[in-house]
Protein backbone atom coordinates (compact mmCIF):
# COMPACT_ATOMS: atom_id res chain seq x y z
CA UNK A 1 -0.05 0.03 -0.04
CA UNK A 2 1.50 3.43 -0.93
CA UNK A 3 1.88 5.86 1.81
CA UNK A 4 1.21 9.48 1.33
CA UNK A 5 2.87 12.13 3.74
CA UNK A 6 1.05 15.20 4.57
CA UNK A 7 3.06 17.78 6.66
CA UNK A 8 1.38 18.84 9.81
CA UNK A 9 2.92 21.59 12.16
CA UNK A 10 3.47 20.47 15.85
CA UNK A 11 1.40 23.24 16.98
CA UNK A 12 -1.72 21.88 15.19
CA UNK A 13 -1.12 18.61 16.88
CA UNK A 14 -0.72 20.34 20.29
CA UNK A 15 -4.07 22.40 19.73
CA UNK A 16 -5.91 19.18 18.88
CA UNK A 17 -4.38 17.18 21.87
CA UNK A 18 -3.51 14.44 19.38
CA UNK A 19 -0.49 12.25 18.87
CA UNK A 20 0.59 12.02 15.23
CA UNK A 21 -1.05 8.46 14.92
CA UNK A 22 -4.35 9.87 16.16
CA UNK A 23 -4.22 12.70 13.77
CA UNK A 24 -3.30 10.27 10.78
CA UNK A 25 -6.33 7.97 11.74
CA UNK A 26 -8.84 10.88 11.99
CA UNK A 27 -7.30 12.56 8.61
CA UNK A 28 -7.95 9.34 6.83
CA UNK A 29 -11.49 9.06 8.13
CA UNK A 30 -12.22 12.67 7.21
CA UNK A 31 -10.86 12.22 3.67
CA UNK A 32 -12.85 9.16 3.22
CA UNK A 33 -15.98 10.75 4.23
CA UNK A 34 -15.50 13.93 2.17
CA UNK A 35 -14.66 11.54 -0.93
CA UNK A 36 -17.63 9.51 -0.28
CA UNK A 37 -19.78 12.65 0.01
CA UNK A 38 -18.49 14.06 -3.23
CA UNK A 39 -19.32 10.76 -4.97
CA UNK A 40 -15.72 9.99 -5.85
CA UNK A 41 -15.67 6.73 -3.64
CA UNK A 42 -18.23 4.20 -3.07
CA UNK A 43 -19.03 3.58 0.53
CA UNK A 44 -16.81 0.20 0.35
CA UNK A 45 -13.81 2.06 -0.84
CA UNK A 46 -14.30 4.92 1.39
CA UNK A 47 -14.52 2.38 4.39
CA UNK A 48 -11.27 0.77 3.00
CA UNK A 49 -9.52 4.26 3.03
CA UNK A 50 -10.97 4.98 6.67
CA UNK A 51 -9.65 1.61 7.86
CA UNK A 52 -13.05 0.29 9.02
CA UNK A 53 -15.87 -1.92 7.86
CA UNK A 54 -18.33 -0.66 5.32
CA UNK A 55 -21.26 -1.04 8.19
CA UNK A 56 -19.13 0.95 10.62
CA UNK A 57 -18.13 3.67 8.00
CA UNK A 58 -21.93 4.24 7.08
CA UNK A 59 -22.74 4.39 10.83
CA UNK A 60 -19.99 6.87 11.45
CA UNK A 61 -21.07 9.31 8.70
CA UNK A 62 -23.55 10.88 11.19
CA UNK A 63 -20.75 11.92 13.35
CA UNK A 64 -19.29 14.03 10.26
CA UNK A 65 -22.99 15.45 9.26
CA UNK A 66 -22.53 13.44 6.19
CA UNK A 67 -25.66 11.97 4.49
CA UNK A 68 -25.72 8.30 3.83
CA UNK A 69 -27.69 8.77 0.67
CA UNK A 70 -27.38 11.82 -1.52
CA UNK A 71 -31.03 12.37 -2.71
CA UNK A 72 -32.60 15.65 -3.30
CA UNK A 73 -36.02 16.44 -1.58
CA UNK A 74 -37.89 15.85 -4.81
CA UNK A 75 -36.21 12.25 -5.15
CA UNK A 76 -37.07 11.46 -1.53
CA UNK A 77 -40.72 12.64 -2.18
CA UNK A 78 -40.93 10.58 -5.31
CA UNK A 79 -39.32 7.52 -3.57
CA UNK A 80 -41.87 7.94 -0.84
CA UNK A 81 -44.82 8.06 -3.07
CA UNK A 82 -43.65 5.05 -5.00
CA UNK A 83 -43.21 3.00 -1.70
């Protein structure tokens, strides 16, 4: 697996009260959530990037205020009417 390095000032880690390992884990999760939210990764691939199961990843989306499904209000209403 390739490793991508992202510089992070020590002051950021101090402000967040996180170790480099904790920061790396959270950064991977945030990246996975955002790429999923943008439609660039499937939930399975995003979960893989986040280092968790697909079900755990989908359950974690609420923590990041990210939708599980990206449907407009009209699409939701149409689905509801067709149910």
